[in-house]
Protein backbone atom coordinates (compact mmCIF):
# COMPACT_ATOMS: atom_id res chain seq x y z
CA MET A 1 -19.75 9.15 157.46
CA LEU A 2 -23.34 8.03 157.39
CA LEU A 3 -24.39 6.65 160.73
CA ILE A 4 -27.96 5.42 161.10
CA ILE A 5 -28.88 4.07 164.56
CA GLY A 6 -32.37 2.91 165.55
CA SER A 7 -34.88 5.84 165.46
CA THR A 8 -32.44 8.40 164.14
CA VAL A 9 -32.71 6.91 160.59
CA VAL A 10 -35.32 9.50 159.46
CA GLY A 11 -33.38 12.52 160.71
CA VAL A 12 -30.14 11.34 159.11
CA CYS A 13 -31.70 10.29 155.81
CA ALA A 14 -33.39 13.67 155.59
CA LEU A 15 -30.07 15.19 156.23
CA ALA A 16 -28.49 13.22 153.48
CA ALA A 17 -31.22 14.60 150.96
CA VAL A 18 -30.61 18.21 152.12
CA ALA A 19 -26.89 17.97 152.41
CA HIS A 20 -26.62 17.09 148.63
CA THR A 21 -28.40 20.30 147.56
CA PRO A 22 -25.93 22.67 146.05
CA PRO A 23 -26.07 25.44 148.71
CA VAL A 24 -25.67 23.15 151.66
CA ARG A 25 -22.97 20.93 149.95
CA HIS A 26 -21.03 24.00 149.20
CA LEU A 27 -20.76 24.79 152.94
CA PHE A 28 -19.72 21.31 153.80
CA MET A 29 -17.01 21.38 151.11
CA ARG A 30 -15.58 24.75 152.31
CA SER A 31 -15.35 23.34 155.72
CA GLY A 32 -13.70 20.11 154.50
CA THR A 33 -16.22 18.00 156.13
CA CYS A 34 -19.43 16.26 155.20
CA PRO A 35 -21.66 14.22 157.53
CA LEU A 36 -22.10 11.55 154.90
CA GLY A 37 -18.47 10.75 154.27
CA PHE A 38 -18.03 12.79 151.05
CA THR A 39 -15.27 14.93 152.39
CA GLY A 40 -13.58 17.75 150.26
CA SER A 41 -10.22 17.19 152.06
CA PRO A 42 -8.06 14.21 152.01
CA VAL A 43 -7.71 11.94 155.13
CA SER A 44 -5.22 9.30 156.01
CA ALA A 45 -5.81 5.81 154.70
CA ALA A 46 -5.91 4.42 158.16
CA ASP A 47 -8.52 7.01 159.49
CA HIS A 48 -10.59 6.54 156.41
CA ASP A 49 -10.78 2.84 156.81
CA LYS A 50 -11.60 3.22 160.48
CA SER A 51 -14.38 5.53 159.71
CA LEU A 52 -15.79 2.97 157.23
CA GLN A 53 -15.63 0.27 160.01
CA ARG A 54 -17.43 2.47 162.54
CA ALA A 55 -20.20 3.01 160.02
CA ALA A 56 -20.47 -0.68 159.30
CA GLN A 57 -20.74 -1.47 162.95
CA ALA A 58 -23.79 0.87 163.29
CA LEU A 59 -25.55 -0.68 160.23
CA ARG A 60 -25.03 -4.46 160.71
CA GLY A 61 -27.93 -6.87 160.96
CA ASP A 62 -27.88 -10.69 161.14
CA GLY A 63 -26.58 -13.22 158.70
CA PRO A 64 -24.89 -12.88 155.41
CA ALA A 65 -26.72 -11.45 152.36
CA GLY A 66 -27.16 -13.97 149.59
CA VAL A 67 -27.23 -11.13 146.96
CA LYS A 68 -25.57 -7.81 147.19
CA PRO A 69 -26.97 -5.41 144.38
CA ALA A 70 -24.91 -2.32 143.72
CA LEU A 71 -26.38 -0.61 140.68
CA GLY A 72 -24.36 -2.70 138.30
CA PHE A 73 -20.99 -2.25 140.31
CA VAL A 74 -19.52 -4.94 142.61
CA LEU A 75 -18.89 -4.07 146.25
CA GLU A 76 -15.40 -4.94 147.49
CA GLN A 77 -14.28 -5.30 143.78
CA THR A 78 -14.94 -2.27 141.60
CA SER A 79 -12.22 0.16 141.43
CA ARG A 80 -11.97 3.92 140.93
CA GLN A 81 -10.71 3.27 137.37
CA ASP A 82 -13.66 0.88 136.76
CA VAL A 83 -15.98 3.66 137.51
CA LEU A 84 -14.20 6.20 135.39
CA THR A 85 -14.25 3.74 132.51
CA TRP A 86 -17.95 3.15 132.97
CA ALA A 87 -18.45 7.00 133.11
CA GLN A 88 -16.74 7.49 129.72
CA GLN A 89 -19.07 4.85 128.21
CA HIS A 90 -22.23 6.27 129.59
CA GLN A 91 -21.77 10.01 129.14
CA ALA A 92 -21.21 10.64 132.92
CA THR A 93 -18.74 13.13 134.31
CA CYS A 94 -17.09 12.28 137.57
CA ASP A 95 -15.07 14.48 140.05
CA GLY A 96 -13.11 13.56 143.25
CA LYS A 97 -9.39 13.48 144.02
CA PRO A 98 -7.99 9.91 144.70
CA GLU A 99 -6.81 10.86 148.16
CA THR A 100 -10.38 11.71 149.19
CA HIS A 101 -11.35 8.08 148.40
CA ARG A 102 -14.53 9.10 146.79
CA LEU A 103 -16.14 9.98 143.43
CA GLU A 104 -19.24 12.11 142.62
CA CYS A 105 -20.56 11.46 139.12
CA LYS A 106 -23.05 13.34 137.24
CA VAL A 107 -25.20 10.97 135.15
CA THR A 108 -27.39 12.00 132.20
CA ASP A 109 -29.65 8.99 132.58
CA ILE A 110 -29.59 6.77 135.71
CA GLY A 111 -31.68 4.47 133.85
CA SER A 112 -28.40 3.14 132.46
CA LEU A 113 -27.67 1.80 135.94
CA PRO A 114 -28.99 -1.81 136.49
CA ASP A 115 -31.90 -1.74 139.10
CA SER A 116 -32.05 2.13 139.02
CA ALA A 117 -35.33 3.44 140.50
CA LEU A 118 -35.80 5.76 137.59
CA GLU A 119 -35.41 5.80 133.69
CA HIS A 120 -34.63 8.62 131.44
CA ALA A 121 -33.80 10.84 134.40
CA PRO A 122 -30.50 12.68 135.26
CA GLY A 123 -28.95 11.98 138.77
CA THR A 124 -25.84 11.87 140.82
CA LEU A 125 -23.84 8.84 141.87
CA PHE A 126 -21.85 9.06 145.09
CA LEU A 127 -19.11 6.35 145.50
CA VAL A 128 -16.84 5.65 148.42
CA PHE A 129 -13.72 3.35 148.25
CA ASN A 130 -11.51 1.86 150.94
CA SER A 131 -7.78 2.65 151.09
CA GLY A 132 -7.22 -0.39 148.81
CA ASP A 133 -9.26 1.31 145.97
CA LYS A 134 -12.22 -1.16 146.32
CA LEU A 135 -15.86 0.10 146.29
CA LYS A 136 -17.47 0.14 149.76
CA ARG A 137 -20.55 2.19 149.16
CA VAL A 138 -22.53 3.43 146.13
CA GLN A 139 -25.48 5.86 146.27
CA VAL A 140 -27.56 7.37 143.50
CA MET A 141 -29.88 10.39 144.06
CA ALA A 142 -32.32 12.06 141.58
CA HIS A 143 -34.82 14.89 141.86
CA VAL A 144 -38.39 14.08 140.77
CA ALA A 145 -41.10 16.66 140.40
CA ALA A 146 -44.16 14.50 140.65
CA VAL A 147 -44.67 12.61 143.94
CA VAL A 148 -46.39 9.83 142.02
CA ASP A 149 -43.35 9.16 139.97
CA ALA A 150 -41.24 9.14 143.14
CA THR A 151 -43.36 6.64 144.92
CA ARG A 152 -43.70 4.48 141.90
CA ALA A 153 -40.03 4.32 141.68
CA MET A 154 -39.34 3.55 145.19
CA ASN A 155 -41.97 0.79 145.29
CA ALA A 156 -40.48 -0.84 142.09
CA VAL A 157 -37.11 -0.94 143.75
CA LEU A 158 -38.38 -2.35 147.04
CA SER A 159 -40.23 -5.23 145.11
CA LYS A 160 -37.01 -6.16 143.51
CA LEU A 161 -35.03 -6.07 146.69
CA THR A 162 -37.65 -7.89 148.70
CA LEU A 163 -37.68 -10.61 145.98
CA HIS A 164 -33.92 -11.05 145.57
CA VAL A 165 -32.48 -9.93 148.92
CA GLY A 166 -35.19 -10.53 151.41
CA LYS A 167 -37.71 -8.84 153.71
CA PRO A 168 -36.85 -5.22 154.82
CA SER A 169 -35.25 -5.02 158.34
CA HIS A 170 -36.75 -1.58 159.06
CA GLU A 171 -39.42 0.71 157.51
CA THR A 172 -40.19 4.34 158.47
CA GLY A 173 -42.95 6.35 156.81
CA GLN A 174 -44.95 5.15 153.95
CA PRO A 175 -43.92 5.23 150.15
CA SER A 176 -47.33 6.52 149.23
CA THR A 177 -48.46 9.79 147.57
CA ALA A 178 -50.83 10.75 150.56
CA TYR A 179 -48.06 10.32 153.07
CA LEU A 180 -45.23 12.03 151.22
CA GLU A 181 -47.41 15.07 150.36
CA GLY A 182 -47.91 15.63 154.09
CA GLY A 183 -45.19 18.24 154.44
CA ALA A 184 -41.61 19.40 153.91
CA LEU A 185 -39.03 16.59 154.80
CA ARG A 186 -41.79 14.05 155.06
CA GLN A 187 -39.82 10.87 154.19
CA ALA A 188 -40.22 7.23 153.51
CA VAL A 189 -37.32 4.98 154.28
CA THR A 190 -36.75 1.26 153.98
CA GLU A 191 -33.61 -0.55 155.12
CA TYR A 192 -32.21 -4.02 154.55
CA ARG A 193 -29.64 -4.99 157.10
CA TYR A 194 -27.33 -7.96 157.04
CA ALA A 195 -24.02 -8.81 158.67
CA ASP A 196 -22.06 -7.93 155.58
CA PHE A 197 -24.41 -5.71 153.51
CA TYR A 198 -26.73 -2.79 153.96
CA ALA A 199 -29.23 -1.30 151.53
CA GLN A 200 -31.45 1.79 151.87
CA VAL A 201 -34.11 3.13 149.65
CA SER A 202 -35.92 6.53 150.42
CA VAL A 203 -37.97 9.34 149.09
CA THR A 204 -37.91 12.73 150.77
CA ASN A 205 -40.24 15.71 150.08
CA MET A 206 -37.89 18.58 149.67
CA GLY A 207 -40.60 21.26 150.38
CA HIS A 208 -40.16 24.63 148.81
CA LEU A 209 -37.41 23.29 146.53
CA GLY A 210 -40.24 21.79 144.65
CA TYR A 211 -39.02 18.22 144.12
CA TYR A 212 -38.82 14.77 145.75
CA SER A 213 -35.42 13.30 146.32
CA VAL A 214 -35.18 9.65 145.46
CA SER A 215 -32.13 7.82 146.86
CA GLN A 216 -30.83 4.16 146.68
CA MET A 217 -27.72 3.21 148.60
CA TYR A 218 -25.77 -0.11 148.86
CA GLN A 219 -22.91 -0.67 151.15
CA SER A 220 -20.52 -3.42 151.96
CA LEU A 221 -20.10 -3.93 155.71
CA LEU A 222 -17.05 -6.22 155.56
CA ASP A 223 -14.15 -4.97 157.57
């Protein structure tokens, strides 16, 4: 489960970007564990919901969010079948056993997702559901070759979030070309924390892999 506490945000977000590269993800899946909650092995419904609650505790801010964007899905309402139906309509392929409470979907064009950072680009959706089959977290990640495209995408999303959700709760690094070109795993992260909702947008320089990882994550913090 993704736990972001205080100053550890950069390290964990960098881990998120690295963990979703094929070689590292393969190792996590072989072991049956993943630090981001995308496990390869089923867990009990009670343990799964408890892990979601622990993550929510670490991410909470103050007051309710007036708007809860989720890339066109609805937190606490969208079901697994809703996502699979969407996938069929948008040329996306999804994988994930029901007992793992998650789906991983390969999307040919993440521009088909409302409020996506990028258009005409492939990407991957990671979705986590509670034991009642309701969406708790959705994350989209894409690889971008040019830093200018990555920073433009991040800044566009931040403008929309700030307009509709509110001011950021925490910012680390700078979503600028000069900053992100500073070295491998150089990262810009912006968080929006509320009592019932958490959003995070980030860009990570993936170094020798030759691309920048652009990520948007939206999570319900309701118990």
